[in-house]
Amino acid sequence: MGSGHSHDHDNAHGLGHSHGHGHSHAPADFGRAFAIGVVLNTGFVLVEAIYGFLSGSMALVADAGHNLSDVLGLLIAWGASVAAKKPPSARFTYGLKSSTILAAFANAILLLIAIGAILIESIRRLIYPIEPEG
């Protein structure tokens, strides 16, 4: 549910010249953009992870993990953008607009988890190094 308003500004010299412009505060619909981003990133994650595991490349596997967290972040943001458009209800008198803040927090947690997994695997590789295939 959005609202709009406009501003009319009179000329300071009293010439009666005015102009107006409007602002819409309705959340934009980015559903198609989210869908394209999720599909493309998921395909990239799969290709990168497969070749990373086949070649033993920690760099490719780590980047695939990072891109997977991007996909999950996109899905969370998409869900939050849908929730933010819900009108207020008896239980949520201001609607669910704060879901976007919670989505950003969840995305930060996902990145910390991905960093932790990469750190653990990197330490394991330092202790037990393997030679990647060329």
C-alpha atoms as a PDB file:
ATOM      1  CA  MET A   1       0.000   0.000   0.000  1.00  0.00           C
ATOM      2  CA  GLY A   2       1.653   3.222  -1.090  1.00  0.00           C
ATOM      3  CA  SER A   3       0.949   6.870  -0.805  1.00  0.00           C
ATOM      4  CA  GLY A   4       1.881   9.769  -3.000  1.00  0.00           C
ATOM      5  CA  HIS A   5       2.213  13.471  -2.484  1.00  0.00           C
ATOM      6  CA  SER A   6       3.202  16.468  -4.532  1.00  0.00           C
ATOM      7  CA  HIS A   7       4.943  19.756  -3.900  1.00  0.00           C
ATOM      8  CA  ASP A   8       3.893  23.066  -5.436  1.00  0.00           C
ATOM      9  CA  HIS A   9       6.396  25.858  -5.073  1.00  0.00           C
ATOM     10  CA  ASP A  10       5.352  29.449  -5.727  1.00  0.00           C
ATOM     11  CA  ASN A  11       7.887  31.780  -7.215  1.00  0.00           C
ATOM     12  CA  ALA A  12       9.506  33.907  -4.498  1.00  0.00           C
ATOM     13  CA  HIS A  13       8.936  37.053  -6.589  1.00  0.00           C
ATOM     14  CA  GLY A  14       5.172  36.608  -6.659  1.00  0.00           C
ATOM     15  CA  LEU A  15       5.013  36.007 -10.399  1.00  0.00           C
ATOM     16  CA  GLY A  16       2.546  33.203  -9.881  1.00  0.00           C
ATOM     17  CA  HIS A  17       4.795  30.695 -11.586  1.00  0.00           C
ATOM     18  CA  SER A  18       4.696  27.280  -9.919  1.00  0.00           C
ATOM     19  CA  HIS A  19       5.675  23.753 -10.705  1.00  0.00           C
ATOM     20  CA  GLY A  20       4.803  20.422  -9.128  1.00  0.00           C
ATOM     21  CA  HIS A  21       6.210  16.956  -8.959  1.00  0.00           C
ATOM     22  CA  GLY A  22       5.008  13.776  -7.344  1.00  0.00           C
ATOM     23  CA  HIS A  23       6.635  11.099  -5.246  1.00  0.00           C
ATOM     24  CA  SER A  24       5.400   7.581  -4.865  1.00  0.00           C
ATOM     25  CA  HIS A  25       6.287   5.630  -1.757  1.00  0.00           C
ATOM     26  CA  ALA A  26       4.928   2.317  -3.023  1.00  0.00           C
ATOM     27  CA  PRO A  27       7.502  -0.487  -2.938  1.00  0.00           C
ATOM     28  CA  ALA A  28       8.748  -1.354  -6.416  1.00  0.00           C
ATOM     29  CA  ASP A  29       8.053  -4.807  -7.833  1.00  0.00           C
ATOM     30  CA  PHE A  30      11.375  -6.503  -8.518  1.00  0.00           C
ATOM     31  CA  GLY A  31      10.036 -10.078  -8.710  1.00  0.00           C
ATOM     32  CA  ARG A  32      11.287 -10.666 -12.262  1.00  0.00           C
ATOM     33  CA  ALA A  33      14.731  -9.242 -11.461  1.00  0.00           C
ATOM     34  CA  PHE A  34      14.991 -11.444  -8.363  1.00  0.00           C
ATOM     35  CA  ALA A  35      13.986 -14.518 -10.389  1.00  0.00           C
ATOM     36  CA  ILE A  36      16.578 -13.818 -13.103  1.00  0.00           C
ATOM     37  CA  GLY A  37      19.276 -13.186 -10.499  1.00  0.00           C
ATOM     38  CA  VAL A  38      18.471 -16.401  -8.621  1.00  0.00           C
ATOM     39  CA  VAL A  39      18.450 -18.569 -11.767  1.00  0.00           C
ATOM     40  CA  LEU A  40      21.673 -17.143 -13.218  1.00  0.00           C
ATOM     41  CA  ASN A  41      23.559 -17.228  -9.922  1.00  0.00           C
ATOM     42  CA  THR A  42      22.392 -20.775  -9.151  1.00  0.00           C
ATOM     43  CA  GLY A  43      23.653 -21.978 -12.533  1.00  0.00           C
ATOM     44  CA  PHE A  44      26.979 -20.259 -11.926  1.00  0.00           C
ATOM     45  CA  VAL A  45      27.258 -21.816  -8.444  1.00  0.00           C
ATOM     46  CA  LEU A  46      26.659 -25.310  -9.825  1.00  0.00           C
ATOM     47  CA  VAL A  47      29.248 -25.001 -12.605  1.00  0.00           C
ATOM     48  CA  GLU A  48      31.822 -23.411 -10.318  1.00  0.00           C
ATOM     49  CA  ALA A  49      31.315 -25.943  -7.505  1.00  0.00           C
ATOM     50  CA  ILE A  50      31.531 -28.939  -9.860  1.00  0.00           C
ATOM     51  CA  TYR A  51      34.740 -27.747 -11.496  1.00  0.00           C
ATOM     52  CA  GLY A  52      36.137 -26.657  -8.132  1.00  0.00           C
ATOM     53  CA  PHE A  53      35.647 -30.131  -6.628  1.00  0.00           C
ATOM     54  CA  LEU A  54      36.871 -31.920  -9.767  1.00  0.00           C
ATOM     55  CA  SER A  55      40.059 -29.854  -9.930  1.00  0.00           C
ATOM     56  CA  GLY A  56      40.599 -29.638  -6.159  1.00  0.00           C
ATOM     57  CA  SER A  57      40.605 -25.830  -6.382  1.00  0.00           C
ATOM     58  CA  MET A  58      39.802 -24.235  -3.025  1.00  0.00           C
ATOM     59  CA  ALA A  59      39.474 -20.861  -4.759  1.00  0.00           C
ATOM     60  CA  LEU A  60      36.642 -22.119  -7.003  1.00  0.00           C
ATOM     61  CA  VAL A  61      34.904 -23.933  -4.158  1.00  0.00           C
ATOM     62  CA  ALA A  62      35.184 -20.859  -1.928  1.00  0.00           C
ATOM     63  CA  ASP A  63      33.790 -18.615  -4.647  1.00  0.00           C
ATOM     64  CA  ALA A  64      30.947 -21.076  -5.256  1.00  0.00           C
ATOM     65  CA  GLY A  65      30.147 -20.933  -1.524  1.00  0.00           C
ATOM     66  CA  HIS A  66      30.182 -17.150  -1.626  1.00  0.00           C
ATOM     67  CA  ASN A  67      27.912 -17.110  -4.670  1.00  0.00           C
ATOM     68  CA  LEU A  68      25.586 -19.606  -2.972  1.00  0.00           C
ATOM     69  CA  SER A  69      25.250 -17.199  -0.065  1.00  0.00           C
ATOM     70  CA  ASP A  70      24.399 -14.527  -2.651  1.00  0.00           C
ATOM     71  CA  VAL A  71      21.616 -16.769  -3.999  1.00  0.00           C
ATOM     72  CA  LEU A  72      20.267 -17.347  -0.492  1.00  0.00           C
ATOM     73  CA  GLY A  73      20.524 -13.613   0.187  1.00  0.00           C
ATOM     74  CA  LEU A  74      18.548 -12.895  -2.989  1.00  0.00           C
ATOM     75  CA  LEU A  75      15.864 -15.369  -1.940  1.00  0.00           C
ATOM     76  CA  ILE A  76      15.634 -13.814   1.526  1.00  0.00           C
ATOM     77  CA  ALA A  77      15.499 -10.292   0.062  1.00  0.00           C
ATOM     78  CA  TRP A  78      12.840 -11.393  -2.426  1.00  0.00           C
ATOM     79  CA  GLY A  79      10.720 -12.833   0.386  1.00  0.00           C
ATOM     80  CA  ALA A  80      11.191  -9.667   2.441  1.00  0.00           C
ATOM     81  CA  SER A  81      10.196  -7.444  -0.481  1.00  0.00           C
ATOM     82  CA  VAL A  82       6.989  -9.467  -0.893  1.00  0.00           C
ATOM     83  CA  ALA A  83       6.297  -9.311   2.860  1.00  0.00           C
ATOM     84  CA  ALA A  84       6.983  -5.546   2.969  1.00  0.00           C
ATOM     85  CA  LYS A  85       4.103  -4.966   0.540  1.00  0.00           C
ATOM     86  CA  LYS A  86       1.570  -6.631   2.835  1.00  0.00           C
ATOM     87  CA  PRO A  87      -0.927  -4.167   4.272  1.00  0.00           C
ATOM     88  CA  PRO A  88      -1.167  -3.594   8.024  1.00  0.00           C
ATOM     89  CA  SER A  89      -3.239  -6.076   9.994  1.00  0.00           C
ATOM     90  CA  ALA A  90      -4.580  -6.378  13.529  1.00  0.00           C
ATOM     91  CA  ARG A  91      -1.422  -8.213  14.592  1.00  0.00           C
ATOM     92  CA  PHE A  92       1.068  -6.189  12.515  1.00  0.00           C
ATOM     93  CA  THR A  93      -0.337  -2.675  12.735  1.00  0.00           C
ATOM     94  CA  TYR A  94       2.527  -1.171  10.720  1.00  0.00           C
ATOM     95  CA  GLY A  95       2.610  -3.995   8.186  1.00  0.00           C
ATOM     96  CA  LEU A  96       5.750  -6.021   7.574  1.00  0.00           C
ATOM     97  CA  LYS A  97       8.031  -3.289   6.267  1.00  0.00           C
ATOM     98  CA  SER A  98      10.694  -4.117   8.864  1.00  0.00           C
ATOM     99  CA  SER A  99      11.112  -7.535   7.246  1.00  0.00           C
ATOM    100  CA  THR A 100      13.636  -5.910   4.912  1.00  0.00           C
ATOM    101  CA  ILE A 101      15.829  -5.061   7.920  1.00  0.00           C
ATOM    102  CA  LEU A 102      15.581  -8.634   9.189  1.00  0.00           C
ATOM    103  CA  ALA A 103      16.450  -9.889   5.697  1.00  0.00           C
ATOM    104  CA  ALA A 104      19.629  -7.798   5.691  1.00  0.00           C
ATOM    105  CA  PHE A 105      20.543  -9.214   9.105  1.00  0.00           C
ATOM    106  CA  ALA A 106      19.915 -12.784   7.903  1.00  0.00           C
ATOM    107  CA  ASN A 107      22.083 -12.118   4.857  1.00  0.00           C
ATOM    108  CA  ALA A 108      24.919 -10.943   7.119  1.00  0.00           C
ATOM    109  CA  ILE A 109      24.603 -14.154   9.170  1.00  0.00           C
ATOM    110  CA  LEU A 110      24.770 -16.234   5.968  1.00  0.00           C
ATOM    111  CA  LEU A 111      27.954 -14.456   4.931  1.00  0.00           C
ATOM    112  CA  LEU A 112      29.507 -15.124   8.344  1.00  0.00           C
ATOM    113  CA  ILE A 113      28.631 -18.820   8.006  1.00  0.00           C
ATOM    114  CA  ALA A 114      30.173 -18.926   4.526  1.00  0.00           C
ATOM    115  CA  ILE A 115      33.310 -17.197   5.820  1.00  0.00           C
ATOM    116  CA  GLY A 116      33.526 -19.715   8.664  1.00  0.00           C
ATOM    117  CA  ALA A 117      33.229 -22.672   6.290  1.00  0.00           C
ATOM    118  CA  ILE A 118      35.880 -21.214   3.991  1.00  0.00           C
ATOM    119  CA  LEU A 119      38.171 -20.559   6.960  1.00  0.00           C
ATOM    120  CA  ILE A 120      37.806 -24.118   8.268  1.00  0.00           C
ATOM    121  CA  GLU A 121      38.505 -25.640   4.858  1.00  0.00           C
ATOM    122  CA  SER A 122      41.451 -23.289   4.275  1.00  0.00           C
ATOM    123  CA  ILE A 123      43.028 -24.241   7.604  1.00  0.00           C
ATOM    124  CA  ARG A 124      42.504 -27.930   6.789  1.00  0.00           C
ATOM    125  CA  ARG A 125      44.229 -27.386   3.434  1.00  0.00           C
ATOM    126  CA  LEU A 126      47.159 -25.645   5.154  1.00  0.00           C
ATOM    127  CA  ILE A 127      47.607 -28.610   7.506  1.00  0.00           C
ATOM    128  CA  TYR A 128      47.009 -31.259   4.803  1.00  0.00           C
ATOM    129  CA  PRO A 129      47.923 -29.632   1.492  1.00  0.00           C
ATOM    130  CA  ILE A 130      46.884 -31.231  -1.779  1.00  0.00           C
ATOM    131  CA  GLU A 131      48.176 -30.475  -5.246  1.00  0.00           C
ATOM    132  CA  PRO A 132      45.412 -29.189  -7.514  1.00  0.00           C
ATOM    133  CA  GLU A 133      45.214 -30.739 -10.956  1.00  0.00           C
ATOM    134  CA  GLY A 134      46.296 -28.502 -13.812  1.00  0.00           C
END
